[in-house]
Amino acid sequence: MLQEDNRPIAAVENEISYHAQKLLSLRVQSNRLLPVGRLPPEILSKIFLHCRDVSDTAYFPSNSAYRWTFITHVCHYWREVGLSTPHLWSVIHLGCISRSFAEALVLRSKAAPLYLDADPGNRPYMDGLLQITTPLLHRARTIRFELKDKLYEAFPSEFSAEASELQELSLRPDCSQTTRGYVPPPLPIFLTRCNAPQLKVLEVSLYTIPWNLVRLPSTLARLTIINPSRQSTVSEVVAAVLGLTALQYLFFEDIFASAPFAAEVDGSVQYPKVTTRLTLAHMTEIWMAGSAIECIHFLDHLVLPHPATVDFEALHPITNVPASAVPSILAPLASFLPLGLGSNSDCGADTLQLDPLYIILKREAPLSSDRADPDFKAFLDVGIGGDEEAVVLLSGLCSQRRLVGITKLVIIGQDIRLDLNVSWMVIFESLPDLKTISFVAFQEPHEIGLPGFIKTVVDHDELLPNLRALLFESVHFLPHERLSHPGTTREPVHATPEKEENSNSLISDMCCTFGAHPGRIEVVVLINCSYVKKVDIANLEKVVPHVKWEQRSTSRSQDTHWHVSPYNESDLNADLGNPK
């Protein structure tokens, strides 16, 4: 029989509460005895800040707390340290939190500089959330707003005219409302009137900056303007950035209005005379996309004491311009090519990459210093069509400046029939230091002129006197008898063991060419090439001192460009047995 307990229920509840409090006290003591609980507050707060930075994201369910806030619920000590670290609460994603949590963040951040971003995600509450942050704009270090135009009306007409902490400002309208024909209003007045003496980053998308009203601060290090609703003239933009001597990064997309340029009798373009020069001593990277002639004319105003990475893309074809006029169009670009002082230079580009659309100059060899070396990338639609676009572009640049220091040429899937394209001769004459040619992604090598190209550069050593190595990567060495004929389809047939003694016809032709000029080509490398047999390698080794054959398991990257295996002058010297 159970023993009867005559104590009142309140006494039992009190005892439970006592033991619960005692247990909680013991757990707190236990946590404090752990090594992590002994960390000084200044160290623990830095750990918390790092945890926030690596896990912080604006992509989580609306009206919820940030995921990283669980660290403030581990123990009393951690919570005390967290609540005593104002910078921990200074990142406020207005598009993803409730009003009450936003108010808590504002309270806990105290006087710390704020990171504010707002997107359309929290539409029902956005008006109220913006009202909360309006009085805090003077504390904002970063503002990134993507909002419907009417939401800016929530801001009062009176606001702080001094954004003394602001270092980064990004502004664009709500992308969901930018349908065809949409014209955003002028920049919100609260941003155009603020004085931001520390602003370093400015990014404006779709809005038109009123250059006559807005004076860009001289502290800007990064300027991005994308697709303004009203385009500006080159002279307007030049005047606006004239005093931005601290610029390091410049990104323009479709910001220039087309303007008529004088044309010569032969169709070449005559740019207006440049009377204003912008010296940008700290420039590191320039990315421009838009009307080719206007973009190039703007670049012609820039003076860069040190080479910068330049990425130029013409978004609109140049019409009614003959191929002979391309050099005149590209003339100002020649000064931006990141070239060194020759093949022995430890700076400047050493690799020229040519794919069907782009030309890229970059450096593959290691640098003698820790600094990053600049690249050059250009795409220009000159209205010719086909694979000749990039070749014409490159020959236009080569006609303006010799590409000294370029030791490697990478050709990706180009039509290289020399009898159809005299531009290659201009290119060859401009590559005095070239030692290696790499052919990548040639699926139909016979049809696009690979055999004839190789024979020409080997037979005529005066074209490329320093050429020593040929690389083939992902080249389809399909024998002649398996080539498709007009009106027929070709099924891939893999080599069978009984046919292994039959040499590939394309490689046989190469062996004949190399054999006729002993010592002209010293290295041949084949990587992931199909229809290559052991007998082909054996034949190559008879006429070429160094032959390498590799099959690697690689996958095509998601971007539109082929991954090209690095092979620089150090690799060439190693294959040649030179200790250099």
Protein backbone atom coordinates (compact mmCIF):
# COMPACT_ATOMS: atom_id res chain seq x y z
CA MET A 1 0.00 0.00 0.00
CA LEU A 2 1.41 3.41 -1.00
CA GLN A 3 2.43 5.66 1.87
CA GLU A 4 0.16 8.68 2.04
CA ASP A 5 1.83 12.11 1.73
CA ASN A 6 -0.17 14.70 3.63
CA ARG A 7 1.96 17.72 2.59
CA PRO A 8 0.05 20.47 0.83
CA ILE A 9 0.60 20.71 -2.93
CA ALA A 10 2.14 24.17 -2.56
CA ALA A 11 4.95 22.73 -0.45
CA VAL A 12 5.76 20.19 -3.13
CA GLU A 13 5.77 22.87 -5.82
CA ASN A 14 8.11 24.99 -3.71
CA GLU A 15 10.48 22.07 -3.32
CA ILE A 16 10.43 21.45 -7.06
CA SER A 17 11.17 25.12 -7.70
CA TYR A 18 14.02 25.07 -5.18
CA HIS A 19 15.67 22.05 -6.78
CA ALA A 20 15.14 23.49 -10.27
CA GLN A 21 16.89 26.70 -9.28
CA LYS A 22 19.65 24.71 -7.62
CA LEU A 23 20.07 22.59 -10.76
CA LEU A 24 20.19 25.71 -12.93
CA SER A 25 22.81 27.24 -10.64
CA LEU A 26 24.93 24.09 -10.85
CA ARG A 27 24.67 24.08 -14.64
CA VAL A 28 25.81 27.70 -14.77
CA GLN A 29 28.76 26.83 -12.52
CA SER A 30 29.54 23.83 -14.72
CA ASN A 31 29.50 25.97 -17.87
CA ARG A 32 31.86 28.46 -16.27
CA LEU A 33 34.32 25.68 -15.49
CA LEU A 34 34.51 24.69 -19.18
CA PRO A 35 37.47 26.18 -21.12
CA VAL A 36 35.17 28.13 -23.47
CA GLY A 37 33.42 29.64 -20.46
CA ARG A 38 36.72 31.01 -19.19
CA LEU A 39 37.45 33.04 -22.31
CA PRO A 40 37.68 36.77 -21.60
CA PRO A 41 34.69 38.75 -22.90
CA GLU A 42 36.81 40.58 -25.50
CA ILE A 43 37.90 37.25 -27.04
CA LEU A 44 34.45 35.69 -26.86
CA SER A 45 32.87 38.74 -28.51
CA LYS A 46 35.26 38.41 -31.46
CA ILE A 47 34.27 34.75 -31.80
CA PHE A 48 30.61 35.79 -31.80
CA LEU A 49 31.25 38.40 -34.49
CA HIS A 50 33.02 35.82 -36.63
CA CYS A 51 30.14 33.38 -36.13
CA ARG A 52 27.71 36.06 -37.25
CA ASP A 53 29.74 36.96 -40.32
CA VAL A 54 30.11 33.39 -41.59
CA SER A 55 26.47 32.42 -40.99
CA ASP A 56 24.71 35.71 -41.64
CA THR A 57 22.49 35.73 -44.69
CA ALA A 58 19.42 37.59 -45.77
CA TYR A 59 17.89 34.35 -47.06
CA PHE A 60 15.91 32.89 -44.20
CA PRO A 61 12.18 32.79 -43.32
CA SER A 62 10.56 36.18 -42.85
CA ASN A 63 9.81 37.47 -39.36
CA SER A 64 12.29 35.10 -37.71
CA ALA A 65 15.40 35.80 -35.69
CA TYR A 66 18.80 35.41 -37.30
CA ARG A 67 20.17 31.89 -37.23
CA TRP A 68 23.36 32.88 -35.46
CA THR A 69 21.47 34.27 -32.43
CA PHE A 70 21.34 30.79 -30.87
CA ILE A 71 24.82 31.48 -29.49
CA THR A 72 23.30 33.97 -27.05
CA HIS A 73 21.12 31.20 -25.57
CA VAL A 74 23.86 28.70 -24.74
CA CYS A 75 24.49 29.97 -21.22
CA HIS A 76 24.08 33.07 -19.08
CA TYR A 77 27.70 34.11 -19.57
CA TRP A 78 27.46 33.92 -23.35
CA ARG A 79 24.22 35.85 -23.35
CA GLU A 80 25.72 38.51 -21.11
CA VAL A 81 28.71 38.89 -23.43
CA GLY A 82 26.47 38.91 -26.52
CA LEU A 83 24.16 41.60 -25.20
CA SER A 84 27.20 43.66 -24.21
CA THR A 85 28.59 43.59 -27.78
CA PRO A 86 26.75 46.32 -29.74
CA HIS A 87 28.46 45.50 -33.05
CA LEU A 88 26.96 42.00 -32.90
CA TRP A 89 23.48 43.48 -33.46
CA SER A 90 24.40 46.13 -36.02
CA VAL A 91 23.49 44.12 -39.15
CA ILE A 92 19.79 44.68 -39.87
CA HIS A 93 18.11 42.88 -42.81
CA LEU A 94 14.82 44.76 -43.02
CA GLY A 95 13.38 42.42 -45.62
CA CYS A 96 13.47 39.34 -43.40
CA ILE A 97 12.62 40.27 -39.81
CA SER A 98 9.66 41.33 -37.74
CA ARG A 99 9.17 44.84 -36.45
CA SER A 100 9.74 43.72 -32.85
CA PHE A 101 13.05 42.06 -33.73
CA ALA A 102 14.13 45.14 -35.70
CA GLU A 103 13.42 47.29 -32.65
CA ALA A 104 15.43 44.86 -30.48
CA LEU A 105 18.39 45.07 -32.88
CA VAL A 106 18.30 48.86 -32.85
CA LEU A 107 18.21 48.87 -29.04
CA ARG A 108 21.03 46.34 -28.61
CA SER A 109 23.28 47.94 -31.24
CA LYS A 110 23.38 51.12 -29.10
CA ALA A 111 25.67 53.58 -30.94
CA ALA A 112 27.46 51.06 -33.20
CA PRO A 113 27.64 51.83 -36.94
CA LEU A 114 24.83 50.02 -38.78
CA TYR A 115 24.57 47.78 -41.83
CA LEU A 116 21.09 48.32 -43.31
CA ASP A 117 19.63 46.47 -46.24
CA ALA A 118 16.07 46.36 -47.46
CA ASP A 119 14.54 44.32 -50.24
CA PRO A 120 10.93 43.57 -51.20
CA GLY A 121 10.82 40.37 -49.14
CA ASN A 122 8.94 41.80 -46.15
CA ARG A 123 6.34 43.83 -48.06
CA PRO A 124 3.52 43.92 -45.44
CA TYR A 125 5.83 45.37 -42.80
CA MET A 126 8.27 47.41 -44.88
CA ASP A 127 6.67 50.80 -44.29
CA GLY A 128 6.93 50.40 -40.53
CA LEU A 129 10.44 48.98 -40.69
CA LEU A 130 11.65 51.91 -42.76
CA GLN A 131 10.15 54.28 -40.23
CA ILE A 132 12.21 52.57 -37.52
CA THR A 133 15.48 53.03 -39.40
CA THR A 134 14.92 56.53 -40.78
CA PRO A 135 16.25 58.24 -37.64
CA LEU A 136 19.30 55.96 -37.78
CA LEU A 137 20.60 56.86 -41.24
CA HIS A 138 23.30 59.04 -39.72
CA ARG A 139 24.66 55.87 -38.03
CA ALA A 140 24.59 53.71 -41.16
CA ARG A 141 27.95 52.50 -42.45
CA THR A 142 26.36 50.43 -45.22
CA ILE A 143 22.99 50.99 -46.94
CA ARG A 144 21.74 48.54 -49.56
CA PHE A 145 18.16 49.30 -50.65
CA GLU A 146 16.07 47.54 -53.30
CA LEU A 147 12.56 48.91 -52.82
CA LYS A 148 9.42 49.90 -54.64
CA ASP A 149 9.40 53.59 -55.49
CA LYS A 150 6.40 54.36 -53.28
CA LEU A 151 8.20 53.02 -50.20
CA TYR A 152 10.64 55.89 -50.32
CA GLU A 153 7.68 58.16 -49.61
CA ALA A 154 7.69 56.64 -46.12
CA PHE A 155 10.77 58.68 -45.35
CA PRO A 156 10.01 62.07 -43.86
CA SER A 157 11.16 65.15 -45.66
CA GLU A 158 13.37 66.07 -42.72
CA PHE A 159 16.39 63.89 -42.14
CA SER A 160 19.99 64.16 -41.11
CA ALA A 161 21.97 65.88 -43.84
CA GLU A 162 25.20 64.36 -42.55
CA ALA A 163 25.88 60.66 -43.15
CA SER A 164 29.25 60.79 -41.45
CA GLU A 165 29.58 57.00 -41.03
CA LEU A 166 28.36 55.97 -44.49
CA GLN A 167 30.99 54.04 -46.45
CA GLU A 168 28.91 51.89 -48.82
CA LEU A 169 25.68 52.80 -50.63
CA SER A 170 23.82 50.52 -53.04
CA LEU A 171 20.51 51.59 -54.52
CA ARG A 172 18.19 49.97 -57.04
CA PRO A 173 14.42 49.76 -57.52
CA ASP A 174 12.48 46.61 -56.77
CA CYS A 175 13.37 44.25 -59.64
CA SER A 176 9.82 42.85 -59.65
CA GLN A 177 8.49 46.20 -60.88
CA THR A 178 11.09 46.77 -63.60
CA THR A 179 8.96 45.58 -66.52
CA ARG A 180 9.55 46.64 -70.11
CA GLY A 181 9.17 50.38 -70.42
CA TYR A 182 9.62 50.99 -66.71
CA VAL A 183 11.30 54.31 -66.00
CA PRO A 184 12.37 54.78 -62.37
CA PRO A 185 12.01 58.22 -60.86
CA PRO A 186 15.03 60.31 -59.89
CA LEU A 187 17.17 59.13 -57.01
CA PRO A 188 15.33 59.34 -53.66
CA ILE A 189 15.88 62.80 -52.28
CA PHE A 190 17.10 61.60 -48.92
CA LEU A 191 20.14 60.07 -50.62
CA THR A 192 20.94 62.86 -53.05
CA ARG A 193 21.05 65.51 -50.32
CA CYS A 194 23.13 63.68 -47.73
CA ASN A 195 26.75 64.60 -47.25
CA ALA A 196 28.83 61.41 -47.00
CA PRO A 197 32.47 62.39 -46.38
CA GLN A 198 33.62 58.75 -45.95
CA LEU A 199 31.73 57.10 -48.83
CA LYS A 200 33.97 54.53 -50.52
CA VAL A 201 31.52 52.34 -52.47
CA LEU A 202 28.62 53.60 -54.60
CA GLU A 203 26.44 51.24 -56.64
CA VAL A 204 23.42 52.54 -58.54
CA SER A 205 21.26 50.33 -60.79
CA LEU A 206 18.55 51.59 -63.17
CA TYR A 207 18.35 55.02 -61.53
CA THR A 208 19.77 57.99 -63.37
CA ILE A 209 22.24 60.03 -61.38
CA PRO A 210 21.56 63.75 -61.91
CA TRP A 211 25.16 64.79 -62.51
CA ASN A 212 24.23 68.47 -62.20
CA LEU A 213 22.87 67.91 -58.66
CA VAL A 214 25.03 65.15 -57.23
CA ARG A 215 28.69 65.69 -56.48
CA LEU A 216 30.46 62.38 -56.00
CA PRO A 217 32.74 62.39 -52.95
CA SER A 218 36.44 62.24 -53.68
CA THR A 219 36.77 59.33 -51.23
CA LEU A 220 35.10 56.87 -53.63
CA ALA A 221 37.17 53.74 -54.28
CA ARG A 222 34.49 51.71 -56.13
CA LEU A 223 31.88 53.15 -58.50
CA THR A 224 29.22 50.99 -60.18
CA ILE A 225 26.50 52.36 -62.47
CA ILE A 226 24.27 49.81 -64.23
CA ASN A 227 21.63 50.44 -66.90
CA PRO A 228 20.48 53.96 -65.99
CA SER A 229 17.06 54.90 -67.35
CA ARG A 230 18.61 57.92 -69.06
CA GLN A 231 22.02 57.53 -70.58
CA SER A 232 24.68 60.21 -70.30
CA THR A 233 27.20 61.59 -72.72
CA VAL A 234 30.86 60.72 -72.39
CA SER A 235 31.70 64.32 -71.49
CA GLU A 236 29.11 64.33 -68.66
CA VAL A 237 30.55 61.21 -67.08
CA VAL A 238 34.13 62.42 -67.50
CA ALA A 239 33.26 65.65 -65.70
CA ALA A 240 31.53 63.70 -62.90
CA VAL A 241 34.48 61.42 -62.15
CA LEU A 242 37.16 64.03 -62.73
CA GLY A 243 37.95 64.45 -59.04
CA LEU A 244 37.75 60.78 -58.05
CA THR A 245 41.48 60.24 -57.74
CA ALA A 246 41.06 57.44 -55.16
CA LEU A 247 39.11 55.15 -57.52
CA GLN A 248 40.28 51.53 -57.57
CA TYR A 249 37.30 49.79 -59.22
CA LEU A 250 35.09 51.17 -61.99
CA PHE A 251 32.07 49.25 -63.34
CA PHE A 252 29.83 50.78 -66.03
CA GLU A 253 27.07 48.98 -67.92
CA ASP A 254 25.22 50.67 -70.77
CA ILE A 255 25.52 54.17 -69.34
CA PHE A 256 26.60 56.08 -72.46
CA ALA A 257 24.22 57.56 -75.00
CA SER A 258 25.21 56.93 -78.61
CA ALA A 259 26.73 59.92 -80.32
CA PRO A 260 27.73 60.48 -83.95
CA PHE A 261 31.44 60.18 -84.66
CA ALA A 262 33.21 61.45 -87.72
CA ALA A 263 34.16 58.82 -90.29
CA GLU A 264 36.97 58.87 -92.81
CA VAL A 265 36.57 57.98 -96.47
CA ASP A 266 37.71 54.41 -95.77
CA GLY A 267 35.08 54.01 -93.04
CA SER A 268 37.48 54.35 -90.11
CA VAL A 269 36.27 56.12 -86.99
CA GLN A 270 37.65 59.50 -85.96
CA TYR A 271 37.21 60.08 -82.22
CA PRO A 272 36.78 63.62 -80.86
CA LYS A 273 39.99 65.09 -79.54
CA VAL A 274 40.52 64.31 -75.85
CA THR A 275 41.11 67.53 -73.94
CA THR A 276 40.59 66.26 -70.38
CA ARG A 277 42.68 63.49 -68.87
CA LEU A 278 41.77 61.56 -65.72
CA THR A 279 44.81 60.28 -63.85
CA LEU A 280 43.75 57.30 -61.71
CA ALA A 281 46.89 56.21 -59.90
CA HIS A 282 45.13 53.61 -57.74
CA MET A 283 42.95 51.96 -60.40
CA THR A 284 42.93 48.16 -60.13
CA GLU A 285 40.00 46.97 -62.25
CA ILE A 286 37.79 48.46 -64.97
CA TRP A 287 34.70 46.64 -66.25
CA MET A 288 32.73 48.27 -69.05
CA ALA A 289 29.85 47.02 -71.17
CA GLY A 290 27.85 49.03 -73.63
CA SER A 291 28.20 50.88 -76.90
CA ALA A 292 31.69 50.05 -78.15
CA ILE A 293 32.73 53.40 -79.58
CA GLU A 294 31.47 55.44 -76.61
CA CYS A 295 33.09 53.09 -74.07
CA ILE A 296 36.42 53.18 -75.88
CA HIS A 297 36.21 56.97 -76.18
CA PHE A 298 35.68 57.20 -72.40
CA LEU A 299 38.63 54.89 -71.74
CA ASP A 300 40.76 57.14 -73.90
CA HIS A 301 40.37 59.85 -71.24
CA LEU A 302 41.98 57.68 -68.55
CA VAL A 303 45.62 57.77 -67.57
CA LEU A 304 46.71 54.75 -65.54
CA PRO A 305 50.28 54.95 -64.22
CA HIS A 306 50.09 51.22 -63.45
CA PRO A 307 48.36 48.55 -65.58
CA ALA A 308 44.86 47.62 -64.41
CA THR A 309 42.61 44.68 -65.19
CA VAL A 310 40.33 45.75 -68.05
CA ASP A 311 37.20 43.82 -69.03
CA PHE A 312 35.46 45.37 -72.02
CA GLU A 313 32.33 44.02 -73.69
CA ALA A 314 30.46 45.64 -76.55
CA LEU A 315 26.76 44.99 -75.99
CA HIS A 316 25.68 46.28 -79.40
CA PRO A 317 27.16 45.39 -82.81
CA ILE A 318 29.09 48.01 -84.69
CA THR A 319 27.19 48.35 -87.94
CA ASN A 320 28.22 49.83 -91.27
CA VAL A 321 31.89 49.61 -90.37
CA PRO A 322 34.22 47.57 -92.61
CA ALA A 323 36.76 45.21 -91.09
CA SER A 324 39.50 47.55 -92.28
CA ALA A 325 38.16 50.20 -89.90
CA VAL A 326 38.51 48.03 -86.79
CA PRO A 327 42.08 49.19 -86.00
CA SER A 328 40.92 52.81 -85.85
CA ILE A 329 38.12 51.85 -83.44
CA LEU A 330 40.43 49.87 -81.17
CA ALA A 331 43.37 52.26 -81.19
CA PRO A 332 42.69 53.73 -77.69
CA LEU A 333 42.48 50.21 -76.20
CA ALA A 334 46.08 49.41 -77.09
CA SER A 335 47.42 51.42 -74.15
CA PHE A 336 45.46 49.23 -71.69
CA LEU A 337 47.09 45.96 -72.73
CA PRO A 338 48.99 44.61 -69.68
CA LEU A 339 52.27 43.96 -71.43
CA GLY A 340 55.73 43.68 -69.91
CA LEU A 341 59.08 44.51 -71.43
CA GLY A 342 59.75 41.21 -73.18
CA SER A 343 59.83 37.45 -72.69
CA ASN A 344 62.13 37.75 -69.66
CA SER A 345 59.94 40.31 -67.88
CA ASP A 346 58.51 39.23 -64.53
CA CYS A 347 55.44 41.43 -64.95
CA GLY A 348 52.75 41.82 -67.56
CA ALA A 349 50.74 39.20 -69.40
CA ASP A 350 52.45 36.13 -70.82
CA THR A 351 49.37 34.34 -72.24
CA LEU A 352 47.00 35.35 -75.02
CA GLN A 353 43.72 33.41 -75.13
CA LEU A 354 41.45 33.53 -78.15
CA ASP A 355 38.00 31.95 -78.09
CA PRO A 356 35.11 32.48 -80.53
CA LEU A 357 33.96 35.69 -78.82
CA TYR A 358 36.65 37.04 -76.51
CA ILE A 359 40.32 37.81 -76.44
CA ILE A 360 42.01 37.58 -73.06
CA LEU A 361 45.51 38.60 -72.01
CA LYS A 362 46.60 37.20 -68.66
CA ARG A 363 49.61 35.94 -66.76
CA GLU A 364 50.14 32.27 -65.96
CA ALA A 365 53.77 32.34 -64.83
CA PRO A 366 54.33 33.01 -61.11
CA LEU A 367 55.19 36.55 -60.14
CA SER A 368 58.32 37.63 -58.32
CA SER A 369 56.14 39.62 -55.89
CA ASP A 370 52.85 39.11 -54.08
CA ARG A 371 50.93 41.65 -56.12
CA ALA A 372 48.19 40.56 -58.49
CA ASP A 373 48.95 41.02 -62.15
CA PRO A 374 46.35 42.69 -64.38
CA ASP A 375 44.36 40.96 -67.11
CA PHE A 376 42.72 42.26 -70.26
CA LYS A 377 39.51 40.85 -71.70
CA ALA A 378 37.61 42.21 -74.69
CA PHE A 379 34.58 41.29 -76.75
CA LEU A 380 33.57 43.33 -79.77
CA ASP A 381 30.87 42.52 -82.30
CA VAL A 382 32.02 44.07 -85.56
CA GLY A 383 29.13 42.62 -87.50
CA ILE A 384 31.17 40.04 -89.41
CA GLY A 385 29.68 36.98 -87.75
CA GLY A 386 31.15 33.52 -87.34
CA ASP A 387 34.46 32.62 -85.76
CA GLU A 388 36.32 35.49 -87.41
CA GLU A 389 35.01 38.08 -84.91
CA ALA A 390 37.69 37.52 -82.28
CA VAL A 391 40.44 37.15 -84.89
CA VAL A 392 39.55 40.49 -86.47
CA LEU A 393 39.43 42.08 -83.01
CA LEU A 394 42.84 40.68 -82.12
CA SER A 395 44.41 41.70 -85.41
CA GLY A 396 43.03 45.20 -84.88
CA LEU A 397 44.79 45.41 -81.52
CA CYS A 398 47.97 43.88 -82.91
CA SER A 399 48.08 46.50 -85.63
CA GLN A 400 48.32 49.15 -82.89
CA ARG A 401 50.88 47.51 -80.60
CA ARG A 402 53.22 44.54 -80.62
CA LEU A 403 52.35 41.99 -77.94
CA VAL A 404 55.80 41.70 -76.42
CA GLY A 405 56.16 39.27 -73.54
CA ILE A 406 53.39 36.95 -74.77
CA THR A 407 54.95 33.48 -74.77
CA LYS A 408 51.78 31.37 -75.07
CA LEU A 409 48.84 31.57 -77.48
CA VAL A 410 45.67 29.61 -76.59
CA ILE A 411 43.21 29.07 -79.45
CA ILE A 412 39.81 27.68 -78.42
CA GLY A 413 37.67 26.17 -81.18
CA GLN A 414 38.50 28.82 -83.78
CA ASP A 415 38.27 28.57 -87.54
CA ILE A 416 41.97 28.92 -88.32
CA ARG A 417 42.04 28.37 -92.07
CA LEU A 418 44.83 30.74 -93.00
CA ASP A 419 43.80 30.92 -96.63
CA LEU A 420 40.48 32.49 -95.57
CA ASN A 421 41.77 34.92 -92.98
CA VAL A 422 44.78 37.15 -93.61
CA SER A 423 44.34 38.66 -90.12
CA TRP A 424 46.48 35.84 -88.74
CA MET A 425 49.54 37.22 -90.51
CA VAL A 426 49.15 40.51 -88.63
CA ILE A 427 48.85 38.54 -85.38
CA PHE A 428 51.96 36.44 -86.06
CA GLU A 429 54.04 39.54 -86.77
CA SER A 430 53.00 41.00 -83.40
CA LEU A 431 54.09 38.01 -81.29
CA PRO A 432 57.91 38.12 -81.33
CA ASP A 433 58.27 36.18 -78.05
CA LEU A 434 55.75 33.39 -78.69
CA LYS A 435 57.06 29.94 -77.68
CA THR A 436 53.91 27.83 -77.21
CA ILE A 437 50.62 27.45 -79.10
CA SER A 438 47.79 25.58 -77.36
CA PHE A 439 44.81 24.24 -79.34
CA VAL A 440 41.75 23.60 -77.15
CA ALA A 441 38.32 22.07 -77.91
CA PHE A 442 38.78 21.37 -81.61
CA GLN A 443 35.96 18.96 -82.48
CA GLU A 444 36.44 19.17 -86.26
CA PRO A 445 40.14 19.94 -86.68
CA HIS A 446 40.24 19.19 -90.42
CA GLU A 447 37.23 21.30 -91.25
CA ILE A 448 38.48 24.42 -89.46
CA GLY A 449 42.02 24.28 -90.75
CA LEU A 450 44.15 22.82 -87.94
CA PRO A 451 46.48 20.75 -90.22
CA GLY A 452 47.16 23.70 -92.52
CA PHE A 453 47.69 26.06 -89.59
CA ILE A 454 50.30 23.76 -88.04
CA LYS A 455 52.08 23.27 -91.35
CA THR A 456 52.25 27.03 -91.97
CA VAL A 457 53.72 27.98 -88.58
CA VAL A 458 56.25 25.13 -88.76
CA ASP A 459 57.26 25.59 -92.41
CA HIS A 460 57.73 29.35 -92.11
CA ASP A 461 59.92 29.82 -89.07
CA GLU A 462 60.27 33.52 -89.87
CA LEU A 463 56.64 33.99 -88.73
CA LEU A 464 57.23 32.78 -85.18
CA PRO A 465 60.98 32.28 -84.76
CA ASN A 466 60.81 31.34 -81.06
CA LEU A 467 58.01 28.77 -81.33
CA ARG A 468 59.05 25.57 -79.52
CA ALA A 469 55.94 23.77 -78.21
CA LEU A 470 52.47 22.72 -79.37
CA LEU A 471 49.74 21.68 -76.94
CA PHE A 472 46.53 19.87 -77.84
CA GLU A 473 43.74 19.70 -75.25
CA SER A 474 40.35 18.08 -75.92
CA VAL A 475 41.15 17.86 -79.63
CA HIS A 476 39.18 15.27 -81.60
CA PHE A 477 41.85 13.55 -83.71
CA LEU A 478 39.31 11.83 -85.94
CA PRO A 479 40.97 9.95 -88.83
CA HIS A 480 40.23 11.02 -92.41
CA GLU A 481 38.26 7.88 -93.17
CA ARG A 482 35.87 8.65 -90.33
CA LEU A 483 35.14 12.23 -91.26
CA SER A 484 31.55 12.98 -92.12
CA HIS A 485 30.70 13.87 -95.69
CA PRO A 486 28.05 16.36 -96.83
CA GLY A 487 24.60 14.94 -96.29
CA THR A 488 25.78 12.13 -94.02
CA THR A 489 25.94 11.66 -90.29
CA ARG A 490 28.90 10.30 -88.42
CA GLU A 491 28.74 7.86 -85.55
CA PRO A 492 31.80 7.88 -83.30
CA VAL A 493 33.78 4.67 -83.74
CA HIS A 494 36.43 3.97 -81.14
CA ALA A 495 39.70 2.33 -82.05
CA THR A 496 39.71 -1.43 -81.76
CA PRO A 497 42.74 -3.47 -80.66
CA GLU A 498 43.20 -5.01 -84.10
CA LYS A 499 43.44 -1.53 -85.65
CA GLU A 500 45.87 -0.19 -83.08
CA GLU A 501 48.73 -0.43 -85.55
CA ASN A 502 47.05 2.10 -87.87
CA SER A 503 48.36 5.58 -87.13
CA ASN A 504 45.99 8.53 -86.97
CA SER A 505 46.14 10.39 -90.28
CA LEU A 506 46.21 13.87 -88.72
CA ILE A 507 49.07 12.94 -86.42
CA SER A 508 50.83 11.29 -89.37
CA ASP A 509 50.60 14.59 -91.26
CA MET A 510 52.02 16.39 -88.23
CA CYS A 511 54.91 13.92 -88.04
CA CYS A 512 55.74 14.59 -91.69
CA THR A 513 55.71 18.34 -91.06
CA PHE A 514 57.90 18.06 -87.95
CA GLY A 515 60.26 15.65 -89.67
CA ALA A 516 60.83 18.09 -92.52
CA HIS A 517 62.00 20.72 -90.02
CA PRO A 518 64.01 18.92 -87.33
CA GLY A 519 64.37 20.88 -84.10
CA ARG A 520 61.68 23.40 -84.99
CA ILE A 521 59.17 21.90 -82.50
CA GLU A 522 60.75 20.45 -79.36
CA VAL A 523 57.68 19.70 -77.20
CA VAL A 524 54.25 18.24 -78.04
CA VAL A 525 51.68 17.75 -75.26
CA LEU A 526 48.35 15.95 -75.74
CA ILE A 527 45.74 16.19 -72.94
CA ASN A 528 42.36 14.46 -73.09
CA CYS A 529 42.53 14.03 -76.85
CA SER A 530 40.37 11.37 -78.50
CA TYR A 531 41.47 8.81 -81.11
CA VAL A 532 45.13 8.99 -80.08
CA LYS A 533 46.90 5.62 -80.01
CA LYS A 534 50.21 4.35 -78.76
CA VAL A 535 51.50 4.10 -82.31
CA ASP A 536 50.79 7.83 -82.76
CA ILE A 537 52.85 8.68 -79.70
CA ALA A 538 55.66 6.41 -80.90
CA ASN A 539 55.70 8.16 -84.28
CA LEU A 540 55.71 11.60 -82.65
CA GLU A 541 58.64 10.61 -80.44
CA LYS A 542 60.69 9.89 -83.57
CA VAL A 543 60.51 13.51 -84.75
CA VAL A 544 59.89 15.50 -81.53
CA PRO A 545 62.34 15.28 -78.59
CA HIS A 546 59.71 15.62 -75.84
CA VAL A 547 56.20 14.15 -76.11
CA LYS A 548 53.66 14.03 -73.25
CA TRP A 549 50.32 12.19 -73.44
CA GLU A 550 47.82 12.57 -70.59
CA GLN A 551 44.21 11.53 -70.07
CA ARG A 552 42.63 13.39 -67.16
CA SER A 553 39.18 13.07 -65.67
CA THR A 554 37.80 16.59 -65.98
CA SER A 555 34.33 18.07 -66.12
CA ARG A 556 33.22 21.13 -68.04
CA SER A 557 32.63 24.11 -65.78
CA GLN A 558 29.25 25.82 -65.65
CA ASP A 559 30.44 29.02 -67.29
CA THR A 560 30.69 29.61 -71.00
CA HIS A 561 34.49 29.36 -71.20
CA TRP A 562 36.67 26.29 -71.35
CA HIS A 563 38.99 25.54 -68.49
CA VAL A 564 42.45 25.59 -70.04
CA SER A 565 45.21 23.62 -68.37
CA PRO A 566 48.00 25.94 -67.23
CA TYR A 567 51.25 25.56 -69.13
CA ASN A 568 53.66 28.45 -68.77
CA GLU A 569 57.28 29.07 -69.59
CA SER A 570 58.41 27.26 -66.44
CA ASP A 571 56.62 24.11 -67.64
CA LEU A 572 58.19 24.48 -71.07
CA ASN A 573 61.66 24.83 -69.59
CA ALA A 574 61.04 21.76 -67.43
CA ASP A 575 60.01 19.72 -70.47
CA LEU A 576 63.05 20.93 -72.37
CA GLY A 577 65.28 20.01 -69.45
CA ASN A 578 66.36 23.60 -68.82
CA PRO A 579 66.99 24.41 -65.15
CA LYS A 580 65.70 27.96 -65.60
